[in-house]
């Protein structure tokens, strides 16, 4: 099964932990996970944030991680600020992710 997840809230929001736990369980069950972060969700993969190490764990377990380049730029988050392997993407890539997912979940504020 392919699972897509959209996260639009900051690291301080409980959604971040929920997404990490859900994605970890899905990966552990052998499912494919793609995670797209936009709006304040882009802060979750800024390398200096404490929670980013948990997102790095998802990446290392095989999850695809992407952030919205537009909202990242609006918030002053550059590619060099993010974990390695995080793709700068756009709404087209999000649409493809939604289309290719068997299940798509959205976590926002």
N, C-alpha and C. Protein backbone atom coordinates (compact mmCIF):
# COMPACT_ATOMS: atom_id res chain seq x y z
N UNK A 1 0.84 -1.18 0.00
CA UNK A 1 0.00 0.00 0.00
C UNK A 1 0.88 1.24 0.00
N UNK A 2 0.46 2.24 -0.74
CA UNK A 2 1.15 3.53 -0.77
C UNK A 2 0.35 4.52 0.07
N UNK A 3 1.01 5.09 1.07
CA UNK A 3 0.36 6.07 1.94
C UNK A 3 1.00 7.44 1.71
N UNK A 4 0.17 8.44 1.47
CA UNK A 4 0.62 9.81 1.35
C UNK A 4 0.13 10.60 2.54
N UNK A 5 0.97 11.49 3.04
CA UNK A 5 0.62 12.30 4.21
C UNK A 5 0.99 13.74 3.93
N UNK A 6 0.04 14.64 4.21
CA UNK A 6 0.28 16.08 4.14
C UNK A 6 0.32 16.61 5.57
N UNK A 7 1.37 17.35 5.90
CA UNK A 7 1.52 17.96 7.22
C UNK A 7 1.71 19.46 7.05
N UNK A 8 0.80 20.24 7.64
CA UNK A 8 0.87 21.69 7.47
C UNK A 8 1.10 22.44 8.78
N UNK A 9 1.33 21.71 9.87
CA UNK A 9 1.51 22.37 11.17
C UNK A 9 2.96 22.28 11.64
N UNK A 10 3.30 23.16 12.56
CA UNK A 10 4.68 23.29 13.04
C UNK A 10 5.09 22.14 13.95
N UNK A 11 6.39 22.05 14.26
CA UNK A 11 6.88 20.97 15.12
C UNK A 11 6.25 20.96 16.51
N UNK A 12 5.80 22.11 16.99
CA UNK A 12 5.22 22.19 18.32
C UNK A 12 3.81 21.60 18.38
N UNK A 13 3.18 21.43 17.25
CA UNK A 13 1.82 20.90 17.19
C UNK A 13 1.85 19.39 17.35
N UNK A 14 0.83 18.86 18.01
CA UNK A 14 0.76 17.41 18.23
C UNK A 14 0.69 16.61 16.93
N UNK A 15 0.31 17.25 15.84
CA UNK A 15 0.24 16.55 14.56
C UNK A 15 1.58 15.96 14.14
N UNK A 16 2.68 16.65 14.47
CA UNK A 16 4.01 16.16 14.07
C UNK A 16 4.27 14.79 14.68
N UNK A 17 4.03 14.64 15.96
CA UNK A 17 4.24 13.36 16.62
C UNK A 17 3.31 12.29 16.08
N UNK A 18 2.07 12.67 15.81
CA UNK A 18 1.10 11.72 15.26
C UNK A 18 1.56 11.22 13.89
N UNK A 19 2.00 12.13 13.05
CA UNK A 19 2.47 11.76 11.71
C UNK A 19 3.69 10.85 11.80
N UNK A 20 4.62 11.18 12.67
CA UNK A 20 5.82 10.35 12.83
C UNK A 20 5.44 8.94 13.27
N UNK A 21 4.57 8.83 14.27
CA UNK A 21 4.16 7.51 14.76
C UNK A 21 3.41 6.72 13.70
N UNK A 22 2.53 7.39 12.98
CA UNK A 22 1.76 6.73 11.93
C UNK A 22 2.67 6.25 10.79
N UNK A 23 3.56 7.11 10.37
CA UNK A 23 4.48 6.76 9.28
C UNK A 23 5.43 5.64 9.71
N UNK A 24 5.90 5.68 10.94
CA UNK A 24 6.78 4.63 11.46
C UNK A 24 6.06 3.29 11.44
N UNK A 25 4.82 3.27 11.88
CA UNK A 25 4.04 2.02 11.89
C UNK A 25 3.80 1.52 10.47
N UNK A 26 3.48 2.43 9.55
CA UNK A 26 3.23 2.03 8.16
C UNK A 26 4.50 1.46 7.52
N UNK A 27 5.62 2.12 7.74
CA UNK A 27 6.89 1.62 7.19
C UNK A 27 7.23 0.25 7.80
N UNK A 28 6.99 0.11 9.08
CA UNK A 28 7.25 -1.15 9.75
C UNK A 28 6.41 -2.30 9.23
N UNK A 29 5.22 -1.96 8.72
CA UNK A 29 4.32 -2.97 8.15
C UNK A 29 4.61 -3.21 6.66
N UNK A 30 5.66 -2.57 6.15
CA UNK A 30 6.05 -2.79 4.76
C UNK A 30 5.37 -1.89 3.75
N UNK A 31 4.71 -0.84 4.22
CA UNK A 31 4.03 0.07 3.30
C UNK A 31 4.98 1.17 2.83
N UNK A 32 4.67 1.76 1.70
CA UNK A 32 5.43 2.87 1.15
C UNK A 32 4.82 4.17 1.68
N UNK A 33 5.67 5.08 2.17
CA UNK A 33 5.19 6.33 2.76
C UNK A 33 5.83 7.53 2.07
N UNK A 34 4.98 8.49 1.68
CA UNK A 34 5.45 9.77 1.13
C UNK A 34 4.85 10.86 1.99
N UNK A 35 5.68 11.80 2.39
CA UNK A 35 5.26 12.89 3.28
C UNK A 35 5.55 14.22 2.62
N UNK A 36 4.52 15.06 2.51
CA UNK A 36 4.66 16.40 1.93
C UNK A 36 4.34 17.40 3.02
N UNK A 37 5.25 18.35 3.25
CA UNK A 37 5.06 19.38 4.27
C UNK A 37 4.97 20.74 3.62
N UNK A 38 3.98 21.51 4.05
CA UNK A 38 3.83 22.87 3.55
C UNK A 38 3.35 23.77 4.67
N UNK A 39 3.23 25.04 4.39
CA UNK A 39 2.89 26.05 5.41
C UNK A 39 3.88 25.89 6.57
N UNK A 40 3.44 25.95 7.82
CA UNK A 40 4.37 25.82 8.94
C UNK A 40 4.95 24.41 9.07
N UNK A 41 4.42 23.46 8.31
CA UNK A 41 4.95 22.11 8.32
C UNK A 41 6.38 22.02 7.82
N UNK A 42 6.82 23.02 7.04
CA UNK A 42 8.19 22.98 6.52
C UNK A 42 9.22 23.05 7.65
N UNK A 43 8.85 23.63 8.79
CA UNK A 43 9.78 23.74 9.91
C UNK A 43 10.13 22.39 10.52
N UNK A 44 9.33 21.36 10.27
CA UNK A 44 9.58 20.04 10.85
C UNK A 44 10.88 19.42 10.39
N UNK A 45 11.37 19.79 9.22
CA UNK A 45 12.59 19.19 8.68
C UNK A 45 13.77 20.16 8.64
N UNK A 46 13.64 21.29 9.33
CA UNK A 46 14.79 22.19 9.48
C UNK A 46 15.76 21.48 10.42
N UNK A 47 16.98 21.27 9.95
CA UNK A 47 17.94 20.41 10.63
C UNK A 47 18.19 20.79 12.09
N UNK A 48 18.07 22.05 12.45
CA UNK A 48 18.40 22.44 13.82
C UNK A 48 17.25 22.21 14.81
N UNK A 49 16.06 21.86 14.31
CA UNK A 49 14.94 21.58 15.21
C UNK A 49 15.10 20.20 15.83
N UNK A 50 14.70 20.07 17.09
CA UNK A 50 14.83 18.78 17.79
C UNK A 50 14.08 17.66 17.09
N UNK A 51 12.89 17.96 16.60
CA UNK A 51 12.05 16.91 16.01
C UNK A 51 12.58 16.43 14.67
N UNK A 52 13.45 17.20 14.05
CA UNK A 52 13.93 16.82 12.71
C UNK A 52 14.66 15.47 12.74
N UNK A 53 15.26 15.11 13.85
CA UNK A 53 15.94 13.81 13.92
C UNK A 53 14.94 12.66 13.78
N UNK A 54 13.72 12.87 14.23
CA UNK A 54 12.70 11.83 14.08
C UNK A 54 12.25 11.74 12.62
N UNK A 55 12.19 12.87 11.93
CA UNK A 55 11.89 12.84 10.50
C UNK A 55 13.05 12.23 9.72
N UNK A 56 14.28 12.46 10.19
CA UNK A 56 15.44 11.82 9.56
C UNK A 56 15.33 10.31 9.70
N UNK A 57 14.80 9.84 10.82
CA UNK A 57 14.58 8.41 11.00
C UNK A 57 13.59 7.85 9.99
N UNK A 58 12.55 8.63 9.68
CA UNK A 58 11.59 8.21 8.66
C UNK A 58 12.27 8.13 7.30
N UNK A 59 13.06 9.14 7.00
CA UNK A 59 13.80 9.16 5.73
C UNK A 59 14.71 7.94 5.63
N UNK A 60 15.42 7.66 6.72
CA UNK A 60 16.35 6.53 6.73
C UNK A 60 15.64 5.19 6.62
N UNK A 61 14.37 5.15 7.05
CA UNK A 61 13.58 3.92 6.96
C UNK A 61 12.92 3.77 5.59
N UNK A 62 13.11 4.76 4.71
CA UNK A 62 12.60 4.65 3.35
C UNK A 62 11.48 5.58 2.98
N UNK A 63 11.06 6.45 3.88
CA UNK A 63 9.99 7.42 3.55
C UNK A 63 10.54 8.49 2.61
N UNK A 64 9.68 8.93 1.70
CA UNK A 64 10.01 10.05 0.81
C UNK A 64 9.54 11.32 1.50
N UNK A 65 10.42 12.29 1.65
CA UNK A 65 10.10 13.56 2.31
C UNK A 65 10.23 14.71 1.34
N UNK A 66 9.21 15.55 1.29
CA UNK A 66 9.25 16.73 0.42
C UNK A 66 8.61 17.91 1.14
N UNK A 67 9.08 19.10 0.80
CA UNK A 67 8.45 20.31 1.33
C UNK A 67 8.08 21.22 0.17
N UNK A 68 7.08 22.04 0.40
CA UNK A 68 6.63 23.01 -0.58
C UNK A 68 7.67 24.12 -0.67
N UNK A 69 8.31 24.23 -1.82
CA UNK A 69 9.33 25.24 -2.01
C UNK A 69 8.81 26.65 -1.82
N UNK A 70 7.58 26.92 -2.27
CA UNK A 70 7.02 28.27 -2.15
C UNK A 70 6.84 28.66 -0.70
N UNK A 71 6.19 27.81 0.09
CA UNK A 71 5.95 28.19 1.49
C UNK A 71 7.24 28.17 2.29
N UNK A 72 8.20 27.33 1.90
CA UNK A 72 9.50 27.35 2.57
C UNK A 72 10.19 28.69 2.33
N UNK A 73 10.20 29.14 1.08
CA UNK A 73 10.82 30.42 0.76
C UNK A 73 10.13 31.57 1.47
N UNK A 74 8.81 31.52 1.55
CA UNK A 74 8.05 32.57 2.25
C UNK A 74 8.42 32.64 3.73
N UNK A 75 8.87 31.52 4.30
CA UNK A 75 9.23 31.45 5.71
C UNK A 75 10.74 31.53 5.93
N UNK A 76 11.50 31.77 4.87
CA UNK A 76 12.94 31.90 4.99
C UNK A 76 13.67 30.58 5.19
N UNK A 77 13.03 29.47 4.84
CA UNK A 77 13.64 28.15 4.96
C UNK A 77 14.25 27.78 3.61
N UNK A 78 15.57 27.65 3.59
CA UNK A 78 16.27 27.30 2.35
C UNK A 78 16.62 25.82 2.36
N UNK A 79 16.92 25.29 1.20
CA UNK A 79 17.27 23.87 1.09
C UNK A 79 18.41 23.49 2.02
N UNK A 80 19.39 24.35 2.16
CA UNK A 80 20.54 24.07 3.03
C UNK A 80 20.15 24.00 4.50
N UNK A 81 19.00 24.56 4.86
CA UNK A 81 18.53 24.52 6.25
C UNK A 81 17.91 23.17 6.60
N UNK A 82 17.53 22.41 5.58
CA UNK A 82 16.75 21.19 5.79
C UNK A 82 17.64 19.95 5.89
N UNK A 83 17.04 18.90 6.38
CA UNK A 83 17.70 17.60 6.41
C UNK A 83 18.13 17.22 5.00
N UNK A 84 19.20 16.47 4.88
CA UNK A 84 19.59 15.98 3.57
C UNK A 84 18.54 14.99 3.07
N UNK A 85 18.33 15.00 1.79
CA UNK A 85 17.36 14.08 1.19
C UNK A 85 15.95 14.61 1.13
N UNK A 86 15.68 15.78 1.70
CA UNK A 86 14.35 16.38 1.61
C UNK A 86 14.25 17.11 0.28
N UNK A 87 13.23 16.80 -0.47
CA UNK A 87 13.06 17.39 -1.80
C UNK A 87 12.26 18.69 -1.71
N UNK A 88 12.75 19.72 -2.36
CA UNK A 88 11.98 20.95 -2.56
C UNK A 88 11.01 20.65 -3.70
N UNK A 89 9.73 20.83 -3.49
CA UNK A 89 8.74 20.45 -4.48
C UNK A 89 7.66 21.52 -4.58
N UNK A 90 6.67 21.25 -5.41
CA UNK A 90 5.57 22.18 -5.61
C UNK A 90 4.24 21.47 -5.54
N UNK A 91 3.21 22.21 -5.88
CA UNK A 91 1.86 21.65 -5.81
C UNK A 91 1.64 20.54 -6.84
N UNK A 92 2.39 20.58 -7.92
CA UNK A 92 2.29 19.49 -8.90
C UNK A 92 2.72 18.17 -8.27
N UNK A 93 3.86 18.18 -7.57
CA UNK A 93 4.34 16.97 -6.91
C UNK A 93 3.37 16.49 -5.84
N UNK A 94 2.74 17.42 -5.14
CA UNK A 94 1.72 17.04 -4.16
C UNK A 94 0.55 16.36 -4.86
N UNK A 95 0.11 16.91 -5.99
CA UNK A 95 -1.00 16.31 -6.73
C UNK A 95 -0.65 14.90 -7.21
N UNK A 96 0.57 14.72 -7.67
CA UNK A 96 1.01 13.39 -8.10
C UNK A 96 1.00 12.44 -6.91
N UNK A 97 1.48 12.90 -5.75
CA UNK A 97 1.49 12.08 -4.55
C UNK A 97 0.07 11.65 -4.17
N UNK A 98 -0.85 12.59 -4.21
CA UNK A 98 -2.25 12.26 -3.88
C UNK A 98 -2.79 11.23 -4.87
N UNK A 99 -2.54 11.44 -6.15
CA UNK A 99 -3.03 10.54 -7.19
C UNK A 99 -2.46 9.13 -7.06
N UNK A 100 -1.20 9.02 -6.68
CA UNK A 100 -0.54 7.72 -6.62
C UNK A 100 -0.75 6.99 -5.29
N UNK A 101 -1.31 7.68 -4.29
CA UNK A 101 -1.51 7.07 -2.98
C UNK A 101 -2.78 6.23 -2.93
N UNK A 102 -2.66 5.08 -2.27
CA UNK A 102 -3.85 4.28 -1.98
C UNK A 102 -4.65 4.92 -0.86
N UNK A 103 -3.94 5.52 0.08
CA UNK A 103 -4.55 6.27 1.18
C UNK A 103 -3.80 7.57 1.32
N UNK A 104 -4.54 8.67 1.50
CA UNK A 104 -3.92 9.98 1.69
C UNK A 104 -4.53 10.62 2.91
N UNK A 105 -3.68 11.05 3.82
CA UNK A 105 -4.11 11.67 5.07
C UNK A 105 -3.56 13.08 5.15
N UNK A 106 -4.35 13.98 5.70
CA UNK A 106 -3.95 15.37 5.84
C UNK A 106 -4.03 15.79 7.30
N UNK A 107 -2.93 16.38 7.80
CA UNK A 107 -2.88 16.87 9.17
C UNK A 107 -2.59 18.36 9.14
N UNK A 108 -3.56 19.16 9.53
CA UNK A 108 -3.40 20.61 9.51
C UNK A 108 -4.03 21.26 10.71
N UNK A 109 -3.90 22.56 10.73
CA UNK A 109 -4.38 23.30 11.89
C UNK A 109 -5.72 23.91 11.71
